[in-house]
Every structure is written in structure tokens, then in C-alpha cells.
Amino acid sequence: MYKEQKHARLKIFSIVLSLIILLTEIFIYVPKVQAENKQEVTEPSKEPEENSTPEPSKEPEESSTPEPSKEPEESSTPEPSKEPEGTNTPEPSKEPEESSTPEPSKEPESTSTPEPSKEPVKNIKHLDKVKGVSLTRYSTHSIKITWKKNKKAKFYRVYYSRKKNSKGHLAGVTKNLQYRVKNLKNNTDYYFYVIAGKTKKVSENDSYPSGIVHMKTRKYIRKTIFAGDSITKGIMDYGMLNRFSIKGKKKVVAAISLNTITFRTRRVFGGMTGLQKIIAEKPSRVYMMLGINEVHYRRINDMLSDYRSMIQAIKKSSPGTDIVLCAISPVTRTERARHSGFWQLPVFNKRLKGLADKTNTRYFDYTGFLQDSGGYLKTQYAARDGYHWVPSVYPKFASVVSKYDKSLDE
């Protein structure tokens, strides 16, 4: 009996001792695990090393019995350590990064991309360049620039500069096919170009600049010539040159009975023909008044061919001369009845206008003040022959021509 009690006591004692040892190991192991967990939180980069530590191999050494050793394993499982890892993973740190990512900055970039500006550029259609730009010396301090018509243009802007490749200064805007640039310095090089537009102000549809033309200013006296037959000669015979308010010198190159043939063949101007005299004078402008001595019997095509030959000769030898083709004066009703061929007169005038358009010259019909309601020469303006003018007509003629001449240079 005594032995059984003693054996029971020893068994209880061994159990108690085992419990004490187990509790001691628990108190030692738990702080160690907590310390390791803290180290994992502060040093996340060492997680792979902690996970590969040989801690599991120590578990059987810490407990002598398998049952109690499972209790600390359950309490020391790495599950609690994963919680701080989850809260301290780099994901939360990415959230502010996402809010500060460059995505918002890309939105204005997309709105400021050049795409919208390219769309209207593709739709812009510029007018054709201005062609046929040429210069005429008008005076010592002015140069006249002319050009061919651009069908779609309503305005033309004229630019000039003193250097060839520099940006031009705006001289002026006009609807006409010529413009006179004034107030230029003498003995100076100037460069000119023209831009066509649909509006008076600069527009994106404007043409590109025309070719650049050059001229150097010098002392120059303007000269105007009136060339023709006996009607034209009357300007000089009646002393009417001073009645023309045209600046510079004025001359008459005319003779009795001249026509589009004899003006080129008869040497009645100091040994020169009328055409040779014009070329020698190199005038700023010439008013050509031929045809009344032949229109009643010659073919219109032949007369126009003669005119064309004279135009070509003047342009070749005196390219700065502005050529004006004048309409043939009307004849009286009586003269029309006497020479039936005068029915061609209005037809010729219409065809002469067409020739002026084709040769880049000018056509001037001054005859409005001379005609009656039927288109014939007013009897009070006609001499006895029915087609020459009385002296009183010339002052009115000078006024009409002067007004027209001024319009060409404005």
C-alpha cells in the first residue's frame, strides 16, 4: 500500500515537473517569436531568410513529449506574423503613388496635341500666286507695279523692301491690277511682290507671295505720247497739250492719213516711222488712236493683226511703256450713210478691247461724250467731213483722258 502511494506521488511529481519545464519553455519561446515577428515588420526584405530559418527543426528538441510540443507550434504559427505583413505590404504605399501618377498630367497633353491644328490646315486652299508682275518707272520717287488678274481674288496687297530676302513692308491694298508706290528714295534698290486675297485684311486663304521684281530708282521725268492720225494731230494743232492734267512731258506722234499700216511704214517723224519714234522715246505711257482712215474698207482681222505687231514691237524694245489702245471715234449719221463700211466701227472697237485683254494692254473707250442717242457723232462736235472734230471738242477730250490717266496710277 505504501509503495503504491509512493509510486503515485512520484508519478504526480514527474507530471508537475514536466508541466513546469513545459511552461518554462513556453515563456522562453513566445518572447523569442514575438521578437522575430517585430524584426520581420521592420525588415521586410529579410522575409525570405526568416522563412528559410531552421526553426521547425528546433521544435522537437524543445519538447520531450510530442503532445505538449504541438501547443507552442499552434501558438507560434506564422499566421500572426502575416497580419502585419499584410498591413505593411507595399500596396498601401502605391495608393498615394497612384494618386500622384502622371495620368492627370497626360489629360491636358491630349487636349494640347497638334491634332486639332492639323485638321484646318488640310482644309486651307490658298489662292493661286499672282503672275505677270512688272514694274514701270513713274517718277524719280515712285514706281508703278502691275500684274495679271487672279480670277478668285478681290484684293491685292503690294509689298516692298530694300533687301531682296527681307520681309516686305505693306505699300497698299487695291482692287485694281496696278499700284503706284510713292515716296521712295532716289538711287535706291527696291524689291516688290504681290499677294492675292479674298478679303482686304490678311487671311489664311491668301496666295503665296508672287515672284520678286526689282528696280533701282533714279532721276526720271515722266513722258506721255499720243500717237495716231489727223484727229490725234489736232491735239497739237489746236494747242491742247497743256489742257491735259498729266504730269511730266507730253508729246504727239501723229500725222494726216496714217493708219495701222502706214504708221509702221511712213517715215514722217524725222526720218522715222511712228512706231520707231515711240520706241526711241521710250515713254511711260502711249495712247494709240488709229483706225478711222481704214475701218470702212479694210478687214477687221487685218487691222487687229497690224495692231498686234506694233504692240509686240513696243513691248520688246520698251517694256516699261504702258500701252493704251483707244476706241475709234464715231462718225455722223450722214457719214455713215456715205460710207457703208463704217458699220464695222462698233464691231472693231469691241474686237480691239478683246485684243487688249489678250496682250495685257489697256483699252480706253472715251467716246461716250461724243455720241448721240443713236451712237453717231454729235453734229455740233463734227467738222464738215463728218468724222473730224471741231476745236471745242479737244478740251473735253483732254479732261476725259486726264481723269482716266489718273485712275491708272492710283
Protein backbone atom coordinates (compact mmCIF):
# COMPACT_ATOMS: atom_id res chain seq x y z
CA MET A 1 0.00 0.00 0.00
CA TYR A 2 2.77 2.30 0.94
CA LYS A 3 4.61 1.51 -2.28
CA GLU A 4 1.56 2.30 -4.39
CA GLN A 5 1.14 5.66 -2.70
CA LYS A 6 4.82 6.41 -3.17
CA HIS A 7 4.61 5.44 -6.81
CA ALA A 8 1.55 7.63 -7.26
CA ARG A 9 3.35 10.55 -5.66
CA LEU A 10 6.36 10.09 -7.94
CA LYS A 11 4.09 9.98 -10.93
CA ILE A 12 2.35 13.21 -9.87
CA PHE A 13 5.70 14.77 -9.14
CA SER A 14 7.01 13.87 -12.60
CA ILE A 15 3.89 15.27 -14.20
CA VAL A 16 4.17 18.51 -12.27
CA LEU A 17 7.85 18.75 -13.16
CA SER A 18 7.07 18.17 -16.80
CA LEU A 19 4.46 20.90 -16.68
CA ILE A 20 6.91 23.31 -15.03
CA ILE A 21 9.51 22.57 -17.68
CA LEU A 22 6.91 22.97 -20.41
CA LEU A 23 5.70 26.28 -19.01
CA THR A 24 9.28 27.49 -18.72
CA GLU A 25 9.96 26.66 -22.36
CA ILE A 26 6.76 28.41 -23.38
CA PHE A 27 7.74 31.58 -21.52
CA ILE A 28 11.12 31.48 -23.24
CA TYR A 29 9.85 30.61 -26.75
CA VAL A 30 6.92 33.09 -27.01
CA PRO A 31 9.01 36.30 -26.46
CA LYS A 32 11.53 34.97 -28.96
CA VAL A 33 8.79 34.50 -31.59
CA GLN A 34 7.41 37.97 -30.90
CA ALA A 35 10.85 39.47 -31.30
CA GLU A 36 11.27 37.68 -34.60
CA ASN A 37 7.88 38.98 -35.77
CA LYS A 38 8.90 42.55 -34.93
CA GLN A 39 12.11 42.08 -36.84
CA GLU A 40 10.10 40.87 -39.86
CA VAL A 41 7.97 44.03 -39.74
CA THR A 42 10.92 46.41 -39.64
CA GLU A 43 12.98 44.43 -42.14
CA PRO A 44 10.57 43.15 -44.83
CA SER A 45 13.44 42.48 -47.19
CA LYS A 46 14.66 39.70 -44.88
CA GLU A 47 11.41 37.73 -45.09
CA PRO A 48 12.83 35.08 -47.37
CA GLU A 49 15.70 34.49 -44.94
CA GLU A 50 13.32 34.19 -41.91
CA ASN A 51 11.06 31.84 -43.80
CA SER A 52 14.07 29.66 -44.62
CA THR A 53 15.39 29.55 -41.00
CA PRO A 54 15.69 26.07 -39.42
CA GLU A 55 13.18 26.93 -36.66
CA PRO A 56 10.95 23.93 -37.36
CA SER A 57 13.88 21.63 -36.66
CA LYS A 58 14.12 23.03 -33.11
CA GLU A 59 10.54 22.19 -32.20
CA PRO A 60 11.14 18.53 -31.40
CA GLU A 61 14.17 19.48 -29.31
CA GLU A 62 12.16 21.96 -27.20
CA SER A 63 9.58 19.38 -26.06
CA SER A 64 10.38 15.84 -24.95
CA THR A 65 6.83 14.69 -25.48
CA PRO A 66 5.08 15.14 -28.82
CA GLU A 67 1.75 16.21 -27.35
CA PRO A 68 2.85 19.30 -25.40
CA SER A 69 5.19 20.36 -28.18
CA LYS A 70 2.21 20.84 -30.51
CA GLU A 71 0.77 23.54 -28.24
CA PRO A 72 3.58 26.05 -28.78
CA GLU A 73 3.57 25.23 -32.52
CA GLU A 74 -0.05 26.30 -32.67
CA SER A 75 0.64 29.48 -30.72
CA SER A 76 3.83 30.17 -32.71
CA THR A 77 2.43 29.57 -36.16
CA PRO A 78 3.46 32.26 -38.68
CA GLU A 79 -0.15 33.33 -39.14
CA PRO A 80 0.11 36.28 -36.72
CA SER A 81 3.28 37.41 -38.50
CA LYS A 82 1.42 37.54 -41.84
CA GLU A 83 -1.06 40.07 -40.49
CA PRO A 84 1.50 42.85 -40.05
CA GLU A 85 2.95 41.85 -43.40
CA GLY A 86 -0.45 42.36 -44.97
CA THR A 87 -0.83 45.76 -43.35
CA ASN A 88 2.70 46.77 -44.24
CA THR A 89 2.83 45.39 -47.75
CA PRO A 90 3.84 47.93 -50.44
CA GLU A 91 0.27 48.05 -51.70
CA PRO A 92 -0.83 50.92 -49.40
CA SER A 93 2.27 52.84 -50.38
CA LYS A 94 1.22 52.52 -54.03
CA GLU A 95 -2.11 54.22 -53.39
CA PRO A 96 -0.61 57.71 -52.98
CA GLU A 97 1.63 56.88 -55.90
CA GLU A 98 -1.46 56.15 -57.97
CA SER A 99 -2.96 59.49 -56.98
CA SER A 100 0.30 61.22 -57.93
CA THR A 101 0.83 59.25 -61.12
CA PRO A 102 1.32 61.35 -64.31
CA GLU A 103 -2.06 60.28 -65.64
CA PRO A 104 -3.80 63.62 -64.79
CA SER A 105 -0.95 65.49 -66.47
CA LYS A 106 -1.50 63.47 -69.63
CA GLU A 107 -5.07 64.73 -69.94
CA PRO A 108 -4.09 68.33 -70.80
CA GLU A 109 -1.37 66.91 -73.04
CA SER A 110 -4.00 65.06 -75.02
CA THR A 111 -6.02 68.29 -75.37
CA SER A 112 -2.94 70.23 -76.45
CA THR A 113 -1.80 67.69 -79.02
CA PRO A 114 -1.26 69.14 -82.53
CA GLU A 115 -4.05 67.02 -83.99
CA PRO A 116 -6.76 69.75 -83.87
CA SER A 117 -4.42 72.25 -85.58
CA LYS A 118 -3.73 69.83 -88.41
CA GLU A 119 -7.39 69.44 -89.35
CA PRO A 120 -7.98 73.05 -90.52
CA VAL A 121 -4.57 73.13 -92.22
CA LYS A 122 -5.65 70.30 -94.50
CA ASN A 123 -8.78 72.24 -95.49
CA ILE A 124 -6.99 75.52 -96.31
CA LYS A 125 -6.89 76.28 -100.02
CA HIS A 126 -4.62 79.14 -100.98
CA LEU A 127 -5.33 81.31 -103.98
CA ASP A 128 -3.03 80.92 -106.94
CA LYS A 129 0.09 83.06 -106.98
CA VAL A 130 -0.12 86.40 -108.75
CA LYS A 131 1.56 86.23 -112.16
CA GLY A 132 2.87 88.74 -114.68
CA VAL A 133 4.24 91.15 -112.09
CA SER A 134 6.18 94.00 -113.74
CA LEU A 135 7.49 97.45 -112.81
CA THR A 136 7.30 100.80 -114.57
CA ARG A 137 9.35 103.83 -113.59
CA TYR A 138 6.77 106.52 -112.92
CA SER A 139 8.90 109.31 -111.49
CA THR A 140 12.11 109.85 -109.54
CA HIS A 141 10.41 108.85 -106.30
CA SER A 142 7.67 106.45 -107.43
CA ILE A 143 7.40 103.11 -109.20
CA LYS A 144 4.27 101.55 -110.62
CA ILE A 145 3.76 97.80 -110.25
CA THR A 146 1.30 95.87 -112.45
CA TRP A 147 0.18 92.22 -112.62
CA LYS A 148 -2.24 89.84 -114.29
CA LYS A 149 -5.72 89.24 -112.90
CA ASN A 150 -6.33 86.43 -110.43
CA LYS A 151 -9.89 85.20 -111.09
CA LYS A 152 -10.68 84.34 -107.47
CA ALA A 153 -9.02 87.36 -105.87
CA LYS A 154 -10.87 90.50 -104.81
CA PHE A 155 -7.94 92.38 -103.29
CA TYR A 156 -4.21 92.64 -103.91
CA ARG A 157 -1.61 93.66 -101.33
CA VAL A 158 1.63 95.18 -102.59
CA TYR A 159 4.81 94.81 -100.54
CA TYR A 160 8.26 96.34 -100.97
CA SER A 161 11.64 96.20 -99.25
CA ARG A 162 15.19 97.43 -99.74
CA LYS A 163 16.68 93.95 -99.38
CA LYS A 164 15.81 91.03 -101.60
CA ASN A 165 15.22 88.36 -98.97
CA SER A 166 13.86 90.54 -96.16
CA LYS A 167 10.23 90.77 -95.12
CA GLY A 168 8.38 93.37 -97.18
CA HIS A 169 6.55 96.45 -95.92
CA LEU A 170 2.93 96.86 -96.96
CA ALA A 171 2.72 99.60 -99.59
CA GLY A 172 -1.05 99.38 -100.01
CA VAL A 173 -4.15 97.34 -100.84
CA THR A 174 -6.10 97.69 -104.10
CA LYS A 175 -8.78 96.05 -106.22
CA ASN A 176 -7.04 97.18 -109.42
CA LEU A 177 -4.33 95.43 -111.37
CA GLN A 178 -1.74 98.11 -110.68
CA TYR A 179 -0.45 100.17 -107.80
CA ARG A 180 1.96 103.10 -107.61
CA VAL A 181 4.39 103.02 -104.70
CA LYS A 182 5.29 106.59 -103.76
CA ASN A 183 7.82 108.41 -101.56
CA LEU A 184 10.75 106.19 -102.49
CA LYS A 185 14.35 107.33 -102.09
CA ASN A 186 16.29 108.21 -105.20
CA ASN A 187 19.16 105.99 -106.36
CA THR A 188 17.98 103.09 -104.16
CA ASP A 189 17.28 99.42 -104.90
CA TYR A 190 13.75 98.23 -104.16
CA TYR A 191 12.18 94.77 -104.31
CA PHE A 192 8.44 94.20 -104.78
CA TYR A 193 5.95 91.32 -104.62
CA VAL A 194 2.16 90.94 -104.63
CA ILE A 195 -0.22 88.73 -102.63
CA ALA A 196 -3.80 88.00 -103.75
CA GLY A 197 -6.66 87.66 -101.26
CA LYS A 198 -10.42 87.38 -100.98
CA THR A 199 -10.58 89.92 -98.16
CA LYS A 200 -8.91 93.26 -97.57
CA LYS A 201 -7.24 92.02 -94.41
CA VAL A 202 -4.69 89.21 -94.20
CA SER A 203 -6.36 85.79 -94.41
CA GLU A 204 -5.21 82.16 -94.26
CA ASN A 205 -6.56 81.70 -97.79
CA ASP A 206 -4.27 84.34 -99.26
CA SER A 207 -1.95 83.34 -102.07
CA TYR A 208 1.73 82.82 -101.51
CA PRO A 209 3.89 85.81 -102.50
CA SER A 210 4.44 86.36 -106.18
CA GLY A 211 7.85 86.35 -107.75
CA ILE A 212 10.05 89.22 -106.58
CA VAL A 213 10.74 92.04 -109.06
CA HIS A 214 13.48 94.64 -108.69
CA MET A 215 14.09 98.21 -109.77
CA LYS A 216 16.55 100.92 -108.75
CA THR A 217 15.17 104.44 -108.51
CA ARG A 218 16.85 107.24 -110.43
CA LYS A 219 16.09 110.70 -111.67
CA TYR A 220 13.25 110.33 -114.12
CA ILE A 221 10.83 112.63 -115.92
CA ARG A 222 7.56 111.02 -116.91
CA LYS A 223 6.63 111.12 -120.60
CA THR A 224 3.25 110.53 -122.25
CA ILE A 225 2.77 110.18 -126.02
CA PHE A 226 -0.44 110.49 -128.05
CA ALA A 227 0.06 108.52 -131.29
CA GLY A 228 -2.31 108.40 -134.23
CA ASP A 229 -3.78 110.13 -137.28
CA SER A 230 -5.13 113.58 -138.08
CA ILE A 231 -7.65 113.57 -135.20
CA THR A 232 -4.77 112.95 -132.80
CA LYS A 233 -2.68 115.60 -134.57
CA GLY A 234 -5.41 118.11 -133.69
CA ILE A 235 -4.20 117.99 -130.05
CA MET A 236 -1.02 119.73 -131.16
CA ASP A 237 -2.56 121.83 -133.96
CA TYR A 238 -5.06 123.44 -131.56
CA GLY A 239 -2.50 123.83 -128.76
CA MET A 240 -4.29 121.46 -126.40
CA LEU A 241 -1.35 119.60 -124.84
CA ASN A 242 -1.39 121.84 -121.78
CA ARG A 243 -5.06 121.07 -121.25
CA PHE A 244 -4.13 117.52 -120.21
CA SER A 245 -3.52 117.41 -116.45
CA ILE A 246 -0.93 114.67 -116.79
CA LYS A 247 2.41 115.10 -115.01
CA GLY A 248 5.70 115.12 -116.87
CA LYS A 249 6.35 115.68 -120.56
CA LYS A 250 3.66 115.20 -123.20
CA LYS A 251 4.23 114.65 -126.92
CA VAL A 252 2.18 113.95 -130.03
CA VAL A 253 3.36 111.45 -132.66
CA ALA A 254 0.67 111.76 -135.33
CA ALA A 255 0.20 112.74 -138.97
CA ILE A 256 -2.56 113.12 -141.55
CA SER A 257 -3.93 109.95 -143.21
CA LEU A 258 -1.96 107.47 -141.07
CA ASN A 259 -3.48 104.06 -140.35
CA THR A 260 -2.32 100.79 -138.82
CA ILE A 261 -0.20 100.08 -141.91
CA THR A 262 1.35 103.47 -142.70
CA PHE A 263 2.11 104.21 -139.05
CA ARG A 264 4.69 101.42 -139.36
CA THR A 265 5.94 102.25 -142.84
CA ARG A 266 5.91 106.04 -143.50
CA ARG A 267 8.97 107.90 -142.25
CA VAL A 268 7.38 111.23 -141.40
CA PHE A 269 8.90 111.77 -137.97
CA GLY A 270 12.44 112.98 -138.56
CA GLY A 271 13.25 110.02 -140.77
CA MET A 272 11.49 107.55 -138.51
CA THR A 273 8.15 105.82 -138.69
CA GLY A 274 5.57 106.41 -135.99
CA LEU A 275 6.40 103.06 -134.41
CA GLN A 276 10.14 103.78 -134.45
CA LYS A 277 9.55 107.19 -132.88
CA ILE A 278 7.59 105.66 -129.97
CA ILE A 279 10.33 103.10 -129.32
CA ALA A 280 13.03 105.80 -129.44
CA GLU A 281 11.17 107.98 -126.94
CA LYS A 282 10.51 105.09 -124.52
CA PRO A 283 7.52 106.84 -122.93
CA SER A 284 5.89 105.94 -119.65
CA ARG A 285 2.57 105.61 -121.47
CA VAL A 286 1.36 105.79 -125.05
CA TYR A 287 -2.24 106.36 -126.21
CA MET A 288 -2.68 104.80 -129.67
CA MET A 289 -5.53 106.29 -131.76
CA LEU A 290 -5.55 104.63 -135.17
CA GLY A 291 -8.16 103.07 -137.46
CA ILE A 292 -10.67 105.69 -138.60
CA ASN A 293 -8.96 106.07 -142.01
CA GLU A 294 -9.37 102.38 -142.85
CA VAL A 295 -12.17 100.78 -140.82
CA HIS A 296 -14.72 101.46 -143.57
CA TYR A 297 -12.89 99.34 -146.15
CA ARG A 298 -10.33 97.00 -144.52
CA ARG A 299 -10.91 93.66 -142.86
CA ILE A 300 -11.06 93.88 -139.07
CA ASN A 301 -8.77 90.86 -138.63
CA ASP A 302 -6.07 92.55 -140.74
CA MET A 303 -6.28 95.76 -138.70
CA LEU A 304 -6.02 93.83 -135.46
CA SER A 305 -3.04 91.90 -136.79
CA ASP A 306 -1.27 95.22 -137.55
CA TYR A 307 -2.06 96.45 -134.06
CA ARG A 308 -0.71 93.24 -132.56
CA SER A 309 2.58 93.63 -134.43
CA MET A 310 3.03 97.18 -133.08
CA ILE A 311 2.24 96.06 -129.52
CA GLN A 312 4.83 93.30 -129.69
CA ALA A 313 7.49 95.67 -131.06
CA ILE A 314 6.91 98.25 -128.32
CA LYS A 315 6.91 95.66 -125.54
CA LYS A 316 10.14 94.16 -126.83
CA SER A 317 12.08 97.43 -127.19
CA SER A 318 10.43 99.47 -124.44
CA PRO A 319 8.99 97.00 -121.89
CA GLY A 320 8.35 99.76 -119.36
CA THR A 321 5.87 101.54 -121.63
CA ASP A 322 2.21 101.29 -120.68
CA ILE A 323 0.18 100.82 -123.89
CA VAL A 324 -3.42 102.11 -124.13
CA LEU A 325 -5.48 101.15 -127.19
CA CYS A 326 -8.14 103.81 -127.80
CA ALA A 327 -11.53 103.22 -129.41
CA ILE A 328 -12.18 104.73 -132.85
CA SER A 329 -14.24 107.91 -132.70
CA PRO A 330 -17.81 107.70 -134.08
CA VAL A 331 -18.86 109.38 -137.34
CA THR A 332 -22.03 111.30 -138.08
CA ARG A 333 -25.16 109.64 -139.40
CA THR A 334 -24.57 111.29 -142.74
CA GLU A 335 -21.02 109.99 -142.99
CA ARG A 336 -22.22 106.52 -142.02
CA ALA A 337 -24.69 106.62 -144.94
CA ARG A 338 -22.00 107.84 -147.35
CA HIS A 339 -19.54 105.08 -146.45
CA SER A 340 -21.46 101.94 -145.61
CA GLY A 341 -18.32 100.25 -144.41
CA PHE A 342 -18.47 102.28 -141.21
CA TRP A 343 -20.88 99.67 -139.89
CA GLN A 344 -17.68 97.87 -138.84
CA LEU A 345 -16.69 100.66 -136.47
CA PRO A 346 -18.50 99.42 -133.31
CA VAL A 347 -17.52 95.85 -134.16
CA PHE A 348 -13.88 96.83 -134.45
CA ASN A 349 -13.96 98.63 -131.09
CA LYS A 350 -15.34 95.52 -129.42
CA ARG A 351 -12.67 93.35 -131.02
CA LEU A 352 -9.96 95.87 -130.05
CA LYS A 353 -10.96 95.50 -126.41
CA GLY A 354 -10.52 91.76 -126.73
CA LEU A 355 -7.04 92.27 -128.20
CA ALA A 356 -6.10 94.46 -125.23
CA ASP A 357 -7.13 91.72 -122.83
CA LYS A 358 -5.10 89.11 -124.71
CA THR A 359 -1.94 91.26 -124.97
CA ASN A 360 -2.02 92.58 -121.40
CA THR A 361 -2.51 96.14 -122.60
CA ARG A 362 -5.35 98.56 -121.87
CA TYR A 363 -8.46 99.53 -123.78
CA PHE A 364 -9.95 103.01 -123.36
CA ASP A 365 -13.34 103.97 -124.77
CA TYR A 366 -13.55 107.75 -124.36
CA THR A 367 -16.34 108.19 -126.96
CA GLY A 368 -19.33 108.41 -124.63
CA PHE A 369 -19.45 112.22 -124.58
CA LEU A 370 -19.20 112.36 -128.40
CA GLN A 371 -22.19 110.11 -129.23
CA ASP A 372 -25.83 110.98 -129.71
CA SER A 373 -28.69 108.63 -128.77
CA GLY A 374 -28.06 106.53 -131.90
CA GLY A 375 -24.33 106.14 -131.27
CA TYR A 376 -23.30 108.58 -134.02
CA LEU A 377 -21.02 111.59 -133.66
CA LYS A 378 -22.99 114.61 -132.46
CA THR A 379 -23.35 117.13 -135.25
CA GLN A 380 -22.19 120.02 -133.04
CA TYR A 381 -18.88 118.17 -132.46
CA ALA A 382 -18.31 117.21 -136.12
CA ALA A 383 -16.38 119.06 -138.80
CA ARG A 384 -17.81 119.27 -142.33
CA ASP A 385 -16.42 115.88 -143.34
CA GLY A 386 -18.49 114.15 -140.67
CA TYR A 387 -15.68 112.49 -138.69
CA HIS A 388 -13.06 115.11 -137.69
CA TRP A 389 -13.65 117.09 -134.50
CA VAL A 390 -14.18 120.79 -134.11
CA PRO A 391 -11.66 122.55 -131.81
CA SER A 392 -14.17 122.82 -128.93
CA VAL A 393 -14.15 119.04 -128.53
CA TYR A 394 -10.49 118.84 -127.51
CA PRO A 395 -10.73 120.47 -124.05
CA LYS A 396 -13.47 117.97 -123.14
CA PHE A 397 -11.41 115.15 -124.62
CA ALA A 398 -8.39 116.30 -122.55
CA SER A 399 -10.50 116.27 -119.38
CA VAL A 400 -11.80 112.74 -120.01
CA VAL A 401 -8.33 111.39 -120.80
CA SER A 402 -6.72 113.11 -117.79
CA LYS A 403 -9.26 111.59 -115.43
CA TYR A 404 -8.68 108.14 -116.89
CA ASP A 405 -4.88 108.54 -116.81
CA LYS A 406 -5.01 109.45 -113.14
CA SER A 407 -7.13 106.37 -112.37
CA LEU A 408 -4.44 104.12 -113.81
CA ASP A 409 -1.89 105.29 -111.26
CA GLU A 410 -3.96 105.43 -108.08
